[in-house]
Amino acid sequence: QVQLVESGGGLVQPGGSLRLSCAAHGITFTDYAMSWYRQTPGNERELVAIISSRGTPTIQPSVEGRFTISRDNAINTVYLQMNSLEPEDTAQYFCRAGIMYWGQGTQVTVSS
């Protein structure tokens, strides 16, 4: 059974940082590109960052320079480091493996 388990979300003040983690179970992790999406109420999920199976990262322009994506293949985990957070970053963040598998999401709220 495939499971993607996100953690690390929470409430943070503007300018603060969070690191999201996504632990993958039930897949051959190194076979998959891993990505992070985010979604706000009433809107579609939008891609934030993706890292290829070989470790090449791509960050969306809206968060470039503030967010980084990385992966640790030894523990089947992908990370999203988020710095200089803004209220506009408030969303539910989802991990995705390839195009088939989604995590349950973790809430990030940026507010003073």
C-alpha atoms as a PDB file:
ATOM      1  CA  GLN A   1       0.000   0.000   0.000  1.00  0.00           C
ATOM      2  CA  VAL A   2       1.393   3.355  -1.022  1.00  0.00           C
ATOM      3  CA  GLN A   3       1.474   6.073   1.595  1.00  0.00           C
ATOM      4  CA  LEU A   4       2.908   9.557   1.474  1.00  0.00           C
ATOM      5  CA  VAL A   5       2.983  11.086   4.920  1.00  0.00           C
ATOM      6  CA  GLU A   6       3.569  14.822   5.184  1.00  0.00           C
ATOM      7  CA  SER A   7       4.631  16.630   8.320  1.00  0.00           C
ATOM      8  CA  GLY A   8       6.074  19.949   9.395  1.00  0.00           C
ATOM      9  CA  GLY A   9       3.212  22.306   8.714  1.00  0.00           C
ATOM     10  CA  GLY A  10       1.931  24.820  11.225  1.00  0.00           C
ATOM     11  CA  LEU A  11       1.500  28.464  12.085  1.00  0.00           C
ATOM     12  CA  VAL A  12       4.417  30.791  11.456  1.00  0.00           C
ATOM     13  CA  GLN A  13       4.859  34.549  11.428  1.00  0.00           C
ATOM     14  CA  PRO A  14       5.657  36.401   8.211  1.00  0.00           C
ATOM     15  CA  GLY A  15       9.356  36.160   7.488  1.00  0.00           C
ATOM     16  CA  GLY A  16       9.631  32.860   9.278  1.00  0.00           C
ATOM     17  CA  SER A  17      10.652  29.426   8.045  1.00  0.00           C
ATOM     18  CA  LEU A  18       9.232  25.936   7.971  1.00  0.00           C
ATOM     19  CA  ARG A  19      10.495  22.654   6.630  1.00  0.00           C
ATOM     20  CA  LEU A  20       7.960  20.201   5.300  1.00  0.00           C
ATOM     21  CA  SER A  21       8.774  16.511   5.117  1.00  0.00           C
ATOM     22  CA  CYS A  22       7.123  13.773   3.111  1.00  0.00           C
ATOM     23  CA  ALA A  23       7.945  10.164   3.924  1.00  0.00           C
ATOM     24  CA  ALA A  24       7.102   7.689   1.190  1.00  0.00           C
ATOM     25  CA  HIS A  25       6.075   4.105   1.873  1.00  0.00           C
ATOM     26  CA  GLY A  26       5.228   1.314  -0.530  1.00  0.00           C
ATOM     27  CA  ILE A  27       7.038   2.653  -3.573  1.00  0.00           C
ATOM     28  CA  THR A  28      10.529   2.341  -4.970  1.00  0.00           C
ATOM     29  CA  PHE A  29      11.368   5.895  -4.035  1.00  0.00           C
ATOM     30  CA  THR A  30      14.256   6.308  -6.433  1.00  0.00           C
ATOM     31  CA  ASP A  31      11.966   5.545  -9.367  1.00  0.00           C
ATOM     32  CA  TYR A  32       9.846   8.636  -8.762  1.00  0.00           C
ATOM     33  CA  ALA A  33      10.083  12.316  -9.290  1.00  0.00           C
ATOM     34  CA  MET A  34       8.719  13.933  -6.151  1.00  0.00           C
ATOM     35  CA  SER A  35       6.872  17.206  -5.987  1.00  0.00           C
ATOM     36  CA  TRP A  36       5.118  19.621  -3.694  1.00  0.00           C
ATOM     37  CA  TYR A  37       1.851  21.308  -4.502  1.00  0.00           C
ATOM     38  CA  ARG A  38      -0.272  23.743  -2.574  1.00  0.00           C
ATOM     39  CA  GLN A  39      -3.936  24.552  -2.566  1.00  0.00           C
ATOM     40  CA  THR A  40      -6.110  27.279  -1.099  1.00  0.00           C
ATOM     41  CA  PRO A  41      -9.888  27.030  -0.710  1.00  0.00           C
ATOM     42  CA  GLY A  42     -11.703  27.356  -3.991  1.00  0.00           C
ATOM     43  CA  ASN A  43      -8.571  27.042  -6.072  1.00  0.00           C
ATOM     44  CA  GLU A  44      -6.829  24.227  -7.887  1.00  0.00           C
ATOM     45  CA  ARG A  45      -3.637  22.708  -6.623  1.00  0.00           C
ATOM     46  CA  GLU A  46      -0.604  24.472  -7.961  1.00  0.00           C
ATOM     47  CA  LEU A  47       2.858  23.070  -8.382  1.00  0.00           C
ATOM     48  CA  VAL A  48       5.427  24.567  -6.032  1.00  0.00           C
ATOM     49  CA  ALA A  49       8.529  22.491  -6.664  1.00  0.00           C
ATOM     50  CA  ILE A  50       9.614  19.207  -8.181  1.00  0.00           C
ATOM     51  CA  ILE A  51      12.743  17.147  -7.850  1.00  0.00           C
ATOM     52  CA  SER A  52      13.595  14.469 -10.375  1.00  0.00           C
ATOM     53  CA  SER A  53      14.443  10.910  -9.476  1.00  0.00           C
ATOM     54  CA  ARG A  54      18.061  11.850 -10.007  1.00  0.00           C
ATOM     55  CA  GLY A  55      17.831  14.887  -7.727  1.00  0.00           C
ATOM     56  CA  THR A  56      17.442  17.771 -10.148  1.00  0.00           C
ATOM     57  CA  PRO A  57      15.233  20.435  -8.567  1.00  0.00           C
ATOM     58  CA  THR A  58      12.870  22.841 -10.241  1.00  0.00           C
ATOM     59  CA  ILE A  59      11.248  25.645  -8.274  1.00  0.00           C
ATOM     60  CA  GLN A  60       8.278  27.630  -9.490  1.00  0.00           C
ATOM     61  CA  PRO A  61       9.002  31.333 -10.085  1.00  0.00           C
ATOM     62  CA  SER A  62       6.513  32.410  -7.446  1.00  0.00           C
ATOM     63  CA  VAL A  63       8.652  30.911  -4.681  1.00  0.00           C
ATOM     64  CA  GLU A  64      12.088  30.815  -6.278  1.00  0.00           C
ATOM     65  CA  GLY A  65      14.764  32.157  -3.980  1.00  0.00           C
ATOM     66  CA  ARG A  66      12.680  31.380  -0.891  1.00  0.00           C
ATOM     67  CA  PHE A  67      11.825  27.679  -1.202  1.00  0.00           C
ATOM     68  CA  THR A  68      14.107  24.741  -1.886  1.00  0.00           C
ATOM     69  CA  ILE A  69      13.302  21.098  -2.497  1.00  0.00           C
ATOM     70  CA  SER A  70      15.556  18.201  -1.637  1.00  0.00           C
ATOM     71  CA  ARG A  71      15.348  14.472  -1.195  1.00  0.00           C
ATOM     72  CA  ASP A  72      17.043  11.835   0.918  1.00  0.00           C
ATOM     73  CA  ASN A  73      16.827   8.545  -0.932  1.00  0.00           C
ATOM     74  CA  ALA A  74      18.260   6.652   2.043  1.00  0.00           C
ATOM     75  CA  ILE A  75      15.115   7.339   4.061  1.00  0.00           C
ATOM     76  CA  ASN A  76      12.591   7.780   1.238  1.00  0.00           C
ATOM     77  CA  THR A  77      11.862  11.364   2.175  1.00  0.00           C
ATOM     78  CA  VAL A  78      11.440  14.600   0.268  1.00  0.00           C
ATOM     79  CA  TYR A  79      11.666  18.013   1.890  1.00  0.00           C
ATOM     80  CA  LEU A  80      10.427  21.497   1.171  1.00  0.00           C
ATOM     81  CA  GLN A  81      12.406  24.176   2.958  1.00  0.00           C
ATOM     82  CA  MET A  82      10.393  27.382   3.049  1.00  0.00           C
ATOM     83  CA  ASN A  83      12.060  30.625   4.074  1.00  0.00           C
ATOM     84  CA  SER A  84      10.889  34.232   4.176  1.00  0.00           C
ATOM     85  CA  LEU A  85       7.325  33.059   4.349  1.00  0.00           C
ATOM     86  CA  GLU A  86       4.561  35.438   3.329  1.00  0.00           C
ATOM     87  CA  PRO A  87       0.848  35.393   4.135  1.00  0.00           C
ATOM     88  CA  GLU A  88       0.267  34.475   0.479  1.00  0.00           C
ATOM     89  CA  ASP A  89       2.050  31.173   1.133  1.00  0.00           C
ATOM     90  CA  THR A  90      -0.788  30.094   3.401  1.00  0.00           C
ATOM     91  CA  ALA A  91      -2.207  26.897   1.934  1.00  0.00           C
ATOM     92  CA  GLN A  92      -2.572  23.177   2.302  1.00  0.00           C
ATOM     93  CA  TYR A  93       0.645  21.632   1.025  1.00  0.00           C
ATOM     94  CA  PHE A  94       0.628  18.245  -0.654  1.00  0.00           C
ATOM     95  CA  CYS A  95       3.370  15.820  -1.549  1.00  0.00           C
ATOM     96  CA  ARG A  96       3.122  13.863  -4.793  1.00  0.00           C
ATOM     97  CA  ALA A  97       5.039  10.861  -6.103  1.00  0.00           C
ATOM     98  CA  GLY A  98       5.126  10.733  -9.863  1.00  0.00           C
ATOM     99  CA  ILE A  99       1.676  11.452 -11.220  1.00  0.00           C
ATOM    100  CA  MET A 100      -0.288   8.851  -9.330  1.00  0.00           C
ATOM    101  CA  TYR A 101       0.201   9.225  -5.632  1.00  0.00           C
ATOM    102  CA  TRP A 102      -0.727  12.048  -3.257  1.00  0.00           C
ATOM    103  CA  GLY A 103      -0.246  12.616   0.420  1.00  0.00           C
ATOM    104  CA  GLN A 104      -2.984  13.813   2.722  1.00  0.00           C
ATOM    105  CA  GLY A 105      -1.635  17.325   3.008  1.00  0.00           C
ATOM    106  CA  THR A 106      -0.297  19.533   5.759  1.00  0.00           C
ATOM    107  CA  GLN A 107      -1.542  23.015   6.557  1.00  0.00           C
ATOM    108  CA  VAL A 108       0.783  25.986   6.477  1.00  0.00           C
ATOM    109  CA  THR A 109      -0.526  29.251   7.879  1.00  0.00           C
ATOM    110  CA  VAL A 110       1.533  32.418   7.716  1.00  0.00           C
ATOM    111  CA  SER A 111       0.086  35.069   9.952  1.00  0.00           C
ATOM    112  CA  SER A 112       1.075  37.530  12.627  1.00  0.00           C
END
